[in-house]
Protein backbone atom coordinates (compact mmCIF):
# COMPACT_ATOMS: atom_id res chain seq x y z
CA UNK A 1 -87.64 -114.71 18.05
CA UNK A 2 -88.60 -111.16 18.99
CA UNK A 3 -90.91 -112.50 21.68
CA UNK A 4 -88.12 -114.65 23.08
CA UNK A 5 -85.61 -111.80 23.15
CA UNK A 6 -88.10 -109.43 24.77
CA UNK A 7 -89.19 -112.01 27.33
CA UNK A 8 -88.13 -112.05 30.97
CA UNK A 9 -87.10 -115.73 31.05
CA UNK A 10 -83.99 -116.66 32.99
CA UNK A 11 -81.61 -119.63 32.81
CA UNK A 12 -78.55 -118.28 34.56
CA UNK A 13 -77.33 -121.76 35.45
CA UNK A 14 -76.54 -122.37 31.76
CA UNK A 15 -74.08 -119.46 31.65
CA UNK A 16 -71.80 -120.12 34.63
CA UNK A 17 -69.48 -122.62 32.92
CA UNK A 18 -69.38 -120.88 29.54
CA UNK A 19 -68.85 -117.17 30.20
CA UNK A 20 -65.34 -117.56 31.71
CA UNK A 21 -64.14 -119.16 28.45
CA UNK A 22 -63.88 -115.68 26.93
CA UNK A 23 -60.85 -115.06 29.12
CA UNK A 24 -58.61 -117.89 27.94
CA UNK A 25 -60.11 -120.45 25.54
CA UNK A 26 -59.20 -120.84 21.87
CA UNK A 27 -61.58 -119.09 19.47
CA UNK A 28 -62.94 -122.36 18.05
CA UNK A 29 -63.93 -123.62 21.49
CA UNK A 30 -65.53 -120.28 22.32
CA UNK A 31 -67.54 -120.43 19.11
CA UNK A 32 -68.77 -123.98 19.69
CA UNK A 33 -69.66 -123.43 23.34
CA UNK A 34 -71.45 -120.12 22.75
CA UNK A 35 -73.44 -121.54 19.82
CA UNK A 36 -74.60 -124.28 22.19
CA UNK A 37 -75.37 -121.67 24.86
CA UNK A 38 -77.43 -119.59 22.43
CA UNK A 39 -79.42 -122.68 21.45
CA UNK A 40 -79.94 -123.69 25.08
CA UNK A 41 -81.10 -120.20 26.05
CA UNK A 42 -83.51 -120.21 23.12
CA UNK A 43 -84.87 -123.62 24.10
CA UNK A 44 -85.31 -122.39 27.67
CA UNK A 45 -87.04 -119.18 26.47
CA UNK A 46 -84.46 -117.30 28.54
CA UNK A 47 -84.58 -113.92 26.84
CA UNK A 48 -83.52 -112.08 29.99
CA UNK A 49 -80.40 -114.19 30.39
CA UNK A 50 -79.60 -113.96 26.65
CA UNK A 51 -79.80 -110.14 26.72
CA UNK A 52 -77.67 -109.94 29.85
CA UNK A 53 -74.93 -112.21 28.47
CA UNK A 54 -74.92 -110.42 25.11
CA UNK A 55 -74.69 -107.03 26.83
CA UNK A 56 -71.82 -108.17 29.06
CA UNK A 57 -69.88 -109.27 25.98
CA UNK A 58 -70.71 -106.06 24.11
CA UNK A 59 -68.90 -103.97 26.68
CA UNK A 60 -65.58 -105.33 25.38
CA UNK A 61 -65.40 -104.09 21.75
CA UNK A 62 -61.65 -104.65 21.24
CA UNK A 63 -61.73 -108.20 22.63
CA UNK A 64 -61.70 -110.82 19.82
CA UNK A 65 -62.88 -113.56 22.14
CA UNK A 66 -65.90 -111.49 23.22
CA UNK A 67 -66.69 -110.71 19.57
CA UNK A 68 -66.61 -114.39 18.62
CA UNK A 69 -68.75 -115.21 21.66
CA UNK A 70 -71.38 -112.59 20.68
CA UNK A 71 -71.55 -113.84 17.10
CA UNK A 72 -71.78 -117.47 18.22
CA UNK A 73 -74.42 -116.71 20.86
CA UNK A 74 -76.63 -115.11 18.23
CA UNK A 75 -75.97 -117.91 15.72
CA UNK A 76 -76.92 -120.50 18.31
CA UNK A 77 -80.26 -118.83 18.72
CA UNK A 78 -81.13 -119.05 15.01
CA UNK A 79 -79.29 -122.15 13.76
CA UNK A 80 -81.27 -125.21 12.72
CA UNK A 81 -80.83 -128.56 14.44
CA UNK A 82 -78.99 -129.84 11.36
CA UNK A 83 -76.50 -126.97 11.63
CA UNK A 84 -75.95 -127.77 15.31
CA UNK A 85 -75.35 -131.43 14.46
CA UNK A 86 -72.76 -130.51 11.80
CA UNK A 87 -70.97 -128.18 14.21
CA UNK A 88 -70.81 -130.82 16.94
CA UNK A 89 -69.15 -133.28 14.54
CA UNK A 90 -66.12 -131.02 14.12
């Protein structure tokens, strides 16, 4: 995981539809979508994009939606496939 996070990989196209959700979406939707984004960025070895998204969300400490998005993004990176399957069933 450390190699992934330190890597320069980019997958900016994965972020465009998800990042705006932190402005208006319910917390459950934010969690589900950012878990999926974290997993997709991990699969794409997009450490550069992951760091950039995480940093952009970290600049909003009082924002609950940004906090949920940060937690979910990190969870998506480390969750097993079984965990992802259970989450998608809900």
